[in-house]
Protein backbone atom coordinates (compact mmCIF):
# COMPACT_ATOMS: atom_id res chain seq x y z
CA MET A 1 116.82 85.67 83.00
CA GLU A 2 114.55 85.02 79.81
CA GLU A 3 112.19 86.93 81.37
CA ILE A 4 113.92 90.37 81.77
CA ILE A 5 112.73 92.32 78.30
CA ASP A 6 115.21 95.36 77.69
CA LYS A 7 112.28 98.65 77.12
CA ILE A 8 114.90 101.24 78.31
CA ASP A 9 114.57 102.91 74.93
CA THR A 10 110.79 103.20 75.66
CA LEU A 11 110.45 103.19 79.25
CA SER A 12 113.31 105.09 80.91
CA HIS A 13 112.23 108.80 80.29
CA LEU A 14 108.90 107.53 81.93
CA ILE A 15 109.88 106.43 85.25
CA SER A 16 111.17 109.14 86.49
CA PRO A 17 108.22 112.25 88.15
CA ARG A 18 110.80 114.40 86.14
CA ARG A 19 108.67 114.56 82.81
CA ASP A 20 105.89 115.94 85.11
CA ILE A 21 107.44 119.05 86.26
CA ASN A 22 105.60 121.55 84.11
CA LYS A 23 102.57 119.18 83.58
CA PRO A 24 99.42 121.05 85.30
CA ILE A 25 97.63 119.52 88.66
CA TYR A 26 100.58 117.19 88.13
CA ASN A 27 103.15 119.12 89.37
CA TRP A 28 101.14 120.81 92.28
CA HIS A 29 104.03 119.41 94.58
CA SER A 30 107.12 117.99 94.39
CA PHE A 31 106.30 114.64 95.05
CA LYS A 32 109.77 113.06 93.98
CA HIS A 33 109.43 109.50 94.80
CA SER A 34 106.95 108.67 92.11
CA TYR A 35 106.80 108.21 87.93
CA SER A 36 105.43 110.02 84.93
CA LYS A 37 101.66 109.60 84.17
CA GLU A 38 102.70 108.49 80.72
CA LEU A 39 103.99 105.82 82.51
CA VAL A 40 100.27 104.73 83.68
CA ASP A 41 99.48 105.78 80.29
CA VAL A 42 101.77 103.29 79.26
CA PHE A 43 100.04 100.38 81.17
CA ILE A 44 96.27 101.64 80.83
CA SER A 45 96.56 100.51 77.41
CA GLU A 46 98.86 97.43 77.57
CA PHE A 47 96.56 96.41 79.85
CA ASN A 48 93.69 97.07 77.39
CA LEU A 49 92.10 99.05 80.51
CA LYS A 50 88.96 101.18 79.34
CA LYS A 51 86.51 103.83 80.58
CA GLY A 52 84.57 102.60 83.88
CA ASP A 53 87.42 99.82 84.44
CA TRP A 54 88.87 100.21 88.17
CA VAL A 55 92.61 100.57 89.06
CA LEU A 56 94.32 100.20 92.58
CA ASP A 57 97.28 101.64 93.41
CA PRO A 58 98.10 100.38 97.12
CA PHE A 59 101.61 103.22 97.39
CA CYS A 60 99.47 106.07 96.05
CA GLY A 61 102.29 108.70 97.21
CA GLY A 62 102.07 111.75 94.77
CA GLY A 63 98.73 110.78 93.25
CA THR A 64 99.98 110.15 89.94
CA THR A 65 98.09 106.83 88.79
CA LEU A 66 94.91 107.97 90.53
CA LEU A 67 94.94 111.81 88.44
CA ALA A 68 96.34 109.63 85.25
CA CYS A 69 93.15 107.23 85.85
CA LYS A 70 90.48 110.15 86.23
CA GLN A 71 92.02 112.16 83.10
CA ALA A 72 91.51 108.83 81.03
CA GLY A 73 88.14 108.52 82.47
CA MET A 74 88.64 105.37 85.08
CA ASN A 75 87.99 104.75 88.26
CA ALA A 76 90.56 104.41 91.16
CA HIS A 77 91.20 103.82 94.60
CA GLY A 78 94.80 104.74 96.35
CA PHE A 79 95.77 103.85 99.74
CA ASP A 80 98.90 104.94 101.68
CA ILE A 81 100.43 104.67 104.67
CA LEU A 82 101.44 108.18 104.96
CA PRO A 83 98.39 110.88 105.65
CA PHE A 84 99.97 113.59 103.74
CA SER A 85 99.81 111.29 100.89
CA VAL A 86 96.68 110.46 101.27
CA PHE A 87 95.86 114.43 101.40
CA LEU A 88 97.99 115.28 98.29
CA SER A 89 95.94 112.78 96.13
CA ASN A 90 92.85 113.76 97.06
CA VAL A 91 93.22 117.21 96.42
CA LYS A 92 94.67 116.61 93.41
CA THR A 93 92.11 114.22 92.21
CA GLY A 94 89.19 116.40 93.39
CA ASP A 95 86.76 118.74 91.50
CA TYR A 96 86.51 122.43 92.72
CA ASN A 97 84.46 125.50 92.51
CA ILE A 98 85.98 128.20 90.32
CA ASP A 99 84.21 130.92 91.57
CA MET A 100 84.61 130.26 95.22
CA LEU A 101 88.39 129.60 94.81
CA TYR A 102 88.59 133.09 93.36
CA ARG A 103 86.57 134.68 96.24
CA GLU A 104 88.88 133.31 98.86
CA LYS A 105 92.21 134.42 96.67
CA GLU A 106 90.84 137.76 96.68
CA ARG A 107 90.20 137.80 100.42
CA PHE A 108 93.83 136.43 100.90
CA GLU A 109 94.56 139.39 98.75
CA ARG A 110 93.03 142.16 100.87
CA TYR A 111 93.87 140.78 104.08
CA ASN A 112 96.15 142.22 105.49
CA LYS A 113 95.96 143.17 109.13
CA PRO A 114 98.81 141.15 111.43
CA ILE A 115 97.57 138.54 113.59
CA GLN A 116 99.54 137.29 116.90
CA GLN A 117 101.27 134.03 116.92
CA VAL A 118 98.22 131.60 116.57
CA GLY A 119 100.18 128.29 115.91
CA LYS A 120 103.61 126.66 116.33
CA PHE A 121 105.66 123.88 115.01
CA PRO A 122 106.25 120.52 117.34
CA ASP A 123 109.48 120.70 119.03
CA ILE A 124 111.70 118.62 116.71
CA LEU A 125 115.32 119.80 116.00
CA ILE A 126 114.80 119.63 112.08
CA ILE A 127 111.86 121.86 112.23
CA LYS A 128 113.50 124.26 114.48
CA LYS A 129 116.52 124.77 111.84
CA ALA A 130 114.35 124.90 109.04
CA PHE A 131 112.13 128.22 109.83
CA THR A 132 112.82 131.49 111.33
CA PRO A 133 110.80 132.37 114.19
CA GLU A 134 109.62 135.27 111.44
CA THR A 135 108.81 132.48 108.85
CA GLU A 136 106.95 130.12 111.29
CA ARG A 137 104.52 133.24 112.28
CA GLU A 138 103.94 134.35 108.91
CA LEU A 139 103.38 130.63 107.86
CA PHE A 140 101.06 130.22 110.55
CA GLN A 141 99.22 133.68 110.15
CA ILE A 142 98.30 132.21 106.74
CA LYS A 143 97.23 129.56 107.94
CA PHE A 144 95.15 130.80 110.35
CA GLN A 145 93.60 132.65 107.77
CA ILE A 146 92.92 128.86 105.46
CA GLU A 147 90.95 127.63 108.40
CA GLN A 148 88.17 130.11 108.10
CA ILE A 149 87.70 128.85 104.84
CA SER A 150 84.05 126.88 105.40
CA ASP A 151 83.86 124.73 101.98
CA THR A 152 86.44 121.39 102.86
CA ASN A 153 87.43 120.85 98.93
CA THR A 154 88.39 124.84 98.82
CA ARG A 155 90.15 124.46 102.09
CA ASN A 156 92.41 121.38 100.91
CA PHE A 157 93.03 123.21 97.75
CA PHE A 158 94.45 126.25 99.92
CA ASN A 159 96.39 123.70 102.26
CA LEU A 160 97.76 122.36 99.85
CA ALA A 161 99.33 125.43 98.12
CA LEU A 162 100.63 125.80 101.58
CA LEU A 163 102.10 123.00 101.99
CA SER A 164 103.61 122.84 98.50
CA ILE A 165 105.80 126.24 99.34
CA LEU A 166 107.30 125.04 102.77
CA GLU A 167 110.33 123.94 101.32
CA SER A 168 110.84 127.18 99.08
CA VAL A 169 110.49 129.05 102.04
CA SER A 170 112.58 127.17 104.66
CA ASN A 171 116.55 126.04 104.80
CA THR A 172 116.00 122.74 103.89
CA SER A 173 115.71 120.50 100.33
CA LYS A 174 114.75 117.46 99.31
CA SER A 175 117.80 115.45 98.57
CA GLY A 176 117.60 112.02 97.80
CA GLY A 177 116.68 109.85 100.46
CA PHE A 178 117.15 112.69 103.24
CA LEU A 179 115.56 116.38 103.79
CA ARG A 180 119.12 118.38 103.90
CA LEU A 181 119.47 121.60 105.57
CA VAL A 182 120.60 124.57 103.20
CA ASN A 183 120.88 128.45 103.64
CA ARG A 184 118.27 129.68 101.88
CA LYS A 185 117.29 133.13 102.43
CA VAL A 186 113.56 133.92 101.84
CA SER A 187 112.29 137.34 103.06
CA THR A 188 108.98 136.74 105.27
CA HIS A 189 107.71 139.71 102.94
CA GLN A 190 107.90 137.46 100.03
CA ILE A 191 105.60 134.49 101.87
CA LYS A 192 102.26 135.55 101.13
CA ARG A 193 102.85 136.66 97.68
CA ILE A 194 104.89 133.04 96.85
CA PHE A 195 101.90 131.18 98.59
CA LEU A 196 99.23 133.50 96.32
CA ASN A 197 101.35 133.13 93.40
CA LYS A 198 100.99 129.27 93.68
CA ILE A 199 97.25 129.67 94.20
CA SER A 200 96.54 131.59 90.77
CA GLU A 201 98.64 128.30 89.33
CA MET A 202 97.19 126.01 90.78
CA ILE A 203 93.32 127.83 89.82
CA ARG A 204 94.45 128.11 86.21
CA ASP A 205 95.21 124.42 85.98
CA ILE A 206 91.62 123.87 87.11
CA GLU A 207 90.48 126.07 84.84
CA THR A 208 92.49 124.51 81.87
CA SER A 209 92.13 121.05 83.01
CA LYS A 210 89.45 118.52 81.05
CA SER A 211 85.70 117.49 82.83
CA ASN A 212 84.89 113.74 82.53
CA ASP A 213 82.57 112.09 80.86
CA GLY A 214 80.11 110.34 83.30
CA ALA A 215 80.14 109.52 87.19
CA ILE A 216 83.88 108.01 88.00
CA THR A 217 85.18 107.51 91.72
CA ILE A 218 88.41 108.89 92.53
CA MET A 219 89.65 108.08 96.14
CA ALA A 220 92.72 107.78 98.33
CA PHE A 221 92.58 106.43 101.68
CA HIS A 222 94.89 106.14 104.87
CA GLY A 223 95.89 101.98 104.75
CA ASP A 224 98.62 99.87 104.79
CA ALA A 225 99.27 97.87 101.80
CA ARG A 226 99.94 94.87 103.59
CA GLU A 227 96.11 94.80 104.71
CA ILE A 228 94.58 96.71 101.99
CA PRO A 229 91.13 97.83 103.57
CA SER A 230 88.66 97.07 100.14
CA GLU A 231 86.69 94.34 99.28
CA LEU A 232 86.59 95.54 95.51
CA LEU A 233 87.94 93.83 92.47
CA TYR A 234 89.99 95.69 90.46
CA ASP A 235 91.22 95.16 86.96
CA ALA A 236 94.48 96.34 86.88
CA ILE A 237 97.26 97.43 89.99
CA ILE A 238 100.21 100.23 88.75
CA THR A 239 102.12 101.20 91.76
CA SER A 240 105.59 101.12 93.16
CA PRO A 241 106.48 100.67 96.58
CA PRO A 242 109.22 102.19 98.40
CA TYR A 243 112.32 100.70 97.63
CA PRO A 244 114.78 99.06 99.80
CA ASN A 245 117.27 101.72 100.09
CA ARG A 246 116.61 102.84 103.50
CA HIS A 247 114.94 105.83 102.32
CA ASP A 248 112.32 107.21 105.01
CA TYR A 249 109.41 109.24 103.73
CA THR A 250 108.57 110.46 107.40
CA ARG A 251 111.92 112.04 107.55
CA ILE A 252 111.65 113.18 103.98
CA TYR A 253 108.29 114.86 104.22
CA SER A 254 108.67 116.02 107.88
CA LEU A 255 107.54 119.49 106.83
CA GLU A 256 104.48 118.76 105.29
CA MET A 257 103.50 116.06 107.98
CA ILE A 258 104.39 118.30 111.24
CA PHE A 259 102.09 121.18 109.87
CA ASP A 260 99.00 119.44 109.15
CA PHE A 261 98.91 115.88 109.87
CA VAL A 262 101.05 114.97 113.28
CA LYS A 263 100.76 116.84 116.85
CA ASP A 264 104.13 116.25 117.98
CA ASN A 265 107.42 114.10 117.25
CA ASP A 266 105.94 110.57 118.94
CA GLU A 267 103.17 110.83 116.56
CA LEU A 268 105.38 111.06 113.27
CA LYS A 269 108.07 108.22 114.64
CA LYS A 270 104.62 105.99 115.23
CA ILE A 271 104.22 106.24 111.53
CA ARG A 272 108.02 105.99 111.00
CA TYR A 273 108.08 102.39 113.06
CA GLU A 274 104.59 101.16 111.01
CA THR A 275 105.60 101.91 107.64
CA LEU A 276 107.03 99.12 104.94
CA ARG A 277 110.69 98.06 106.09
CA SER A 278 112.45 99.66 103.27
CA HIS A 279 114.43 101.49 105.92
CA VAL A 280 116.06 100.51 109.27
CA GLU A 281 113.85 102.20 111.40
CA ALA A 282 110.53 100.35 110.54
CA ARG A 283 109.38 97.69 112.51
CA LYS A 284 107.72 93.96 112.03
CA LYS A 285 103.75 94.76 111.98
CA PHE A 286 102.64 91.25 110.75
CA GLU A 287 103.09 87.92 110.32
CA SER A 288 103.43 86.47 107.29
CA VAL A 289 102.13 83.13 107.44
CA GLY A 290 103.33 80.95 104.43
CA TYR A 291 106.47 83.06 103.61
CA THR A 292 109.65 81.09 102.60
CA ALA A 293 112.69 83.58 102.01
CA PRO A 294 114.39 83.01 98.63
CA SER A 295 117.33 80.82 98.87
CA ILE A 296 119.16 83.69 96.63
CA LEU A 297 118.00 86.47 99.12
CA ASN A 298 119.73 84.78 101.98
CA LYS A 299 122.95 84.07 100.19
CA LEU A 300 123.21 87.77 99.14
CA MET A 301 122.62 88.68 102.84
CA ASN A 302 125.42 86.38 103.93
CA LYS A 303 127.43 87.82 101.47
CA ILE A 304 127.01 91.61 102.49
CA LYS A 305 127.60 90.15 106.17
CA VAL A 306 130.99 89.09 105.22
CA ASN A 307 131.92 92.39 103.20
CA GLY A 308 130.81 94.46 106.17
CA VAL A 309 128.14 97.02 106.04
CA ASN A 310 128.07 100.76 107.74
CA ASN A 311 124.93 99.77 109.57
CA PRO A 312 124.40 96.23 110.77
CA GLN A 313 120.59 96.82 110.56
CA VAL A 314 120.58 96.83 106.96
CA ILE A 315 120.50 92.84 106.71
CA GLY A 316 117.27 92.84 108.84
CA MET A 317 115.97 95.82 107.09
CA LEU A 318 116.14 93.38 103.50
CA ALA A 319 115.04 90.17 105.23
CA GLY A 320 111.73 92.16 106.52
CA TYR A 321 111.65 94.17 103.20
CA PHE A 322 110.72 91.19 101.30
CA GLU A 323 108.94 89.83 104.44
CA ASP A 324 106.44 93.02 103.66
CA MET A 325 106.15 92.52 100.58
CA PHE A 326 105.14 89.09 100.15
CA LEU A 327 102.12 90.43 102.11
CA VAL A 328 101.50 93.49 100.19
CA LEU A 329 101.56 90.95 96.49
CA SER A 330 99.17 88.57 98.74
CA GLU A 331 96.67 91.54 99.29
CA MET A 332 97.04 92.16 95.16
CA LYS A 333 96.62 88.77 94.87
CA ARG A 334 92.86 89.35 97.07
CA CYS A 335 92.15 92.26 95.21
CA LEU A 336 92.68 90.98 91.41
CA LYS A 337 90.04 90.56 89.19
CA LYS A 338 90.99 87.02 87.48
CA ASN A 339 92.94 88.02 84.90
CA GLY A 340 93.69 91.12 86.18
CA LYS A 341 96.98 92.61 85.52
CA VAL A 342 99.88 94.17 87.92
CA ALA A 343 102.47 96.90 87.03
CA LEU A 344 105.09 97.34 90.22
CA VAL A 345 108.27 99.73 89.40
CA VAL A 346 110.80 98.93 91.79
CA SER A 347 115.02 99.27 91.21
CA ASN A 348 117.53 96.65 92.55
CA VAL A 349 120.01 97.88 95.66
CA ARG A 350 123.82 97.57 96.58
CA PHE A 351 125.02 97.14 99.91
CA ALA A 352 128.75 96.11 100.48
CA GLY A 353 129.42 96.07 97.06
CA ILE A 354 126.69 93.44 96.86
CA ASN A 355 123.90 93.60 94.27
CA ILE A 356 120.60 92.49 95.69
CA PRO A 357 118.39 91.95 92.37
CA VAL A 358 115.14 93.39 94.01
CA ASP A 359 113.14 92.55 90.78
CA GLU A 360 114.13 88.95 90.36
CA ILE A 361 113.21 88.15 93.64
CA LEU A 362 110.03 89.74 94.04
CA PHE A 363 109.36 88.04 91.00
CA GLU A 364 109.76 85.11 92.35
CA ILE A 365 107.69 85.83 95.50
CA GLY A 366 104.51 87.43 93.67
CA GLU A 367 104.55 83.35 92.29
CA GLN A 368 104.79 82.34 96.00
CA ALA A 369 101.55 85.00 96.46
CA GLY A 370 99.49 83.07 93.88
CA LEU A 371 100.49 85.64 90.64
CA LYS A 372 101.15 84.65 87.78
CA ARG A 373 104.84 85.48 86.05
CA LYS A 374 104.38 87.62 83.26
CA ASN A 375 108.06 89.22 82.62
CA ILE A 376 110.11 92.15 83.78
CA LEU A 377 110.87 94.74 81.95
CA LEU A 378 114.23 96.39 82.21
CA ALA A 379 113.79 100.34 82.17
CA ARG A 380 116.57 102.35 83.11
CA TYR A 381 119.96 102.01 85.30
CA ARG A 382 120.29 103.96 88.65
CA GLY A 383 124.12 104.69 90.08
CA ASN A 384 125.20 103.46 93.18
CA SER A 385 125.46 105.47 95.83
CA SER A 386 128.33 108.15 96.26
CA GLN A 387 129.78 106.19 99.42
CA GLN A 388 129.28 102.76 97.23
CA MET A 389 131.40 104.19 94.72
CA LYS A 390 134.11 105.08 96.68
CA THR A 391 134.76 101.58 97.70
CA TYR A 392 133.07 99.51 94.82
CA GLU A 393 133.44 102.04 91.94
CA ARG A 394 130.31 103.31 89.94
CA ILE A 395 128.28 99.61 89.02
CA PRO A 396 124.57 100.50 88.49
CA SER A 397 121.52 99.06 89.31
CA ARG A 398 118.92 98.44 87.08
CA GLU A 399 115.09 99.82 87.40
CA SER A 400 112.36 97.49 86.16
CA ILE A 401 108.90 97.23 86.24
CA ILE A 402 107.43 93.80 87.16
CA ILE A 403 104.45 92.29 85.17
CA TRP A 404 101.95 89.80 87.01
CA GLU A 405 98.77 88.20 86.28
CA ASN A 406 96.05 86.83 88.65
C-alpha cells in the first residue's frame, strides 16, 4: 500500500507510555494503555498547531494528550466512557494550591487514631481476592480521611494518590489485557507510608511544573466517542481508540473503578456492555446509518471462521468494532474544523493466524465517514499472543498512526 510510510526509526520509541515512566505528572498513575508525551508533541509540530488552538481526544484514557497540550499552551477537551479515565485526566491537568496540599499532608502525618471499619468493597470476586481484610480496612481509613478535605481539587489530588497505590498493595498485577492474581505481601503498617510517599512525589511535581502563560481550557468529560457531546470545532484530534484485541478496560482498571466510581458489580457490568466493541462482552449501542463493511473485512472474518477461533464471539466483536469506529470517525469529521487533522494510533491484530490490517480497514472507513485520506505511519511491530505463537509462530503485527484531514 503506497500510503503506508515507514517511520519506525522516529516513532517506535514514542508509541509506548514507558517513555513517561519518569516524567513528572505523567507518571502519577500507571495507565498502561497509552502513548508518550513526545508522540503528542510530534503531531503538535506536524500539524502546525500553535498556542491557543483547540485539540480533541475522544479516548482520553490516561490524559496524556490533554496534559501535553496544557504544557504546550493549547486548549484541549477529552472524553471517555470510563469514569476513572475522566477523573485521572482532570487531576493530572488540574491546578493546585501548594500550601493547601502541604497542610493536608501534615494532617495525614499527624493522624494516628484508629478508626472502625468505615467502608467496604463491593462483593466482586476479584476484589475479594485482591485485598486482605486488614488491607481493605486500612485503605478505607485513608479514604475516610480524604473525604474530610473540603476543597474539591485538593481532595481529588489525594484521591488519585490513593488510587495510584492500589495495585502495589494488592494481590493483583495489570498484565496485558488482564488483571492477574499474584502473591504480593504488603504489611498494612506500610500502606499509609506508601500513600504519603506518593503524595510527596506528586506535590514535588506540582512545585517544579511550569505555569501556563495566559488562560487556557483543559477539561475531560464523561462521554462516548460514538456520540461526542460537543458542538465545538477543533483544530486537531490526537487519540488512540481501544484496539480490537479483547482487552476490557473495565476489568483491567477494576480496582480503581470499584473504589470510587461504581457501587456494585451491576454498575461495572453496565459500563462494560456500553464500551466500544473491542472486546467480546461489549454490546451494540448505536445504529450506524451509512456504513458498509469493507469487503476485505468480510473475507478475513470468513477465513477466521474456517481456521477456527477459541471464542466464536470474536467474529461478532470484529464486525462490531469497525461498525463502531465508523461512528467514531463520523463524529471526528463533525467536530473538526475545515483542514483540521486527525492522528489515530492503532494496532493490527491476529486471530486464528489471520492478520487483520486494522489500520488499512480504518483508513477506508474514515473515507466513508467523510475524512480525506493522508497516510499511515508505520511506528513499530508487536508480537502476537503466546497462544497464537504456539500454533502459528511469532508473526508480528504493525502498530501505526493513521492521518486524515477534514
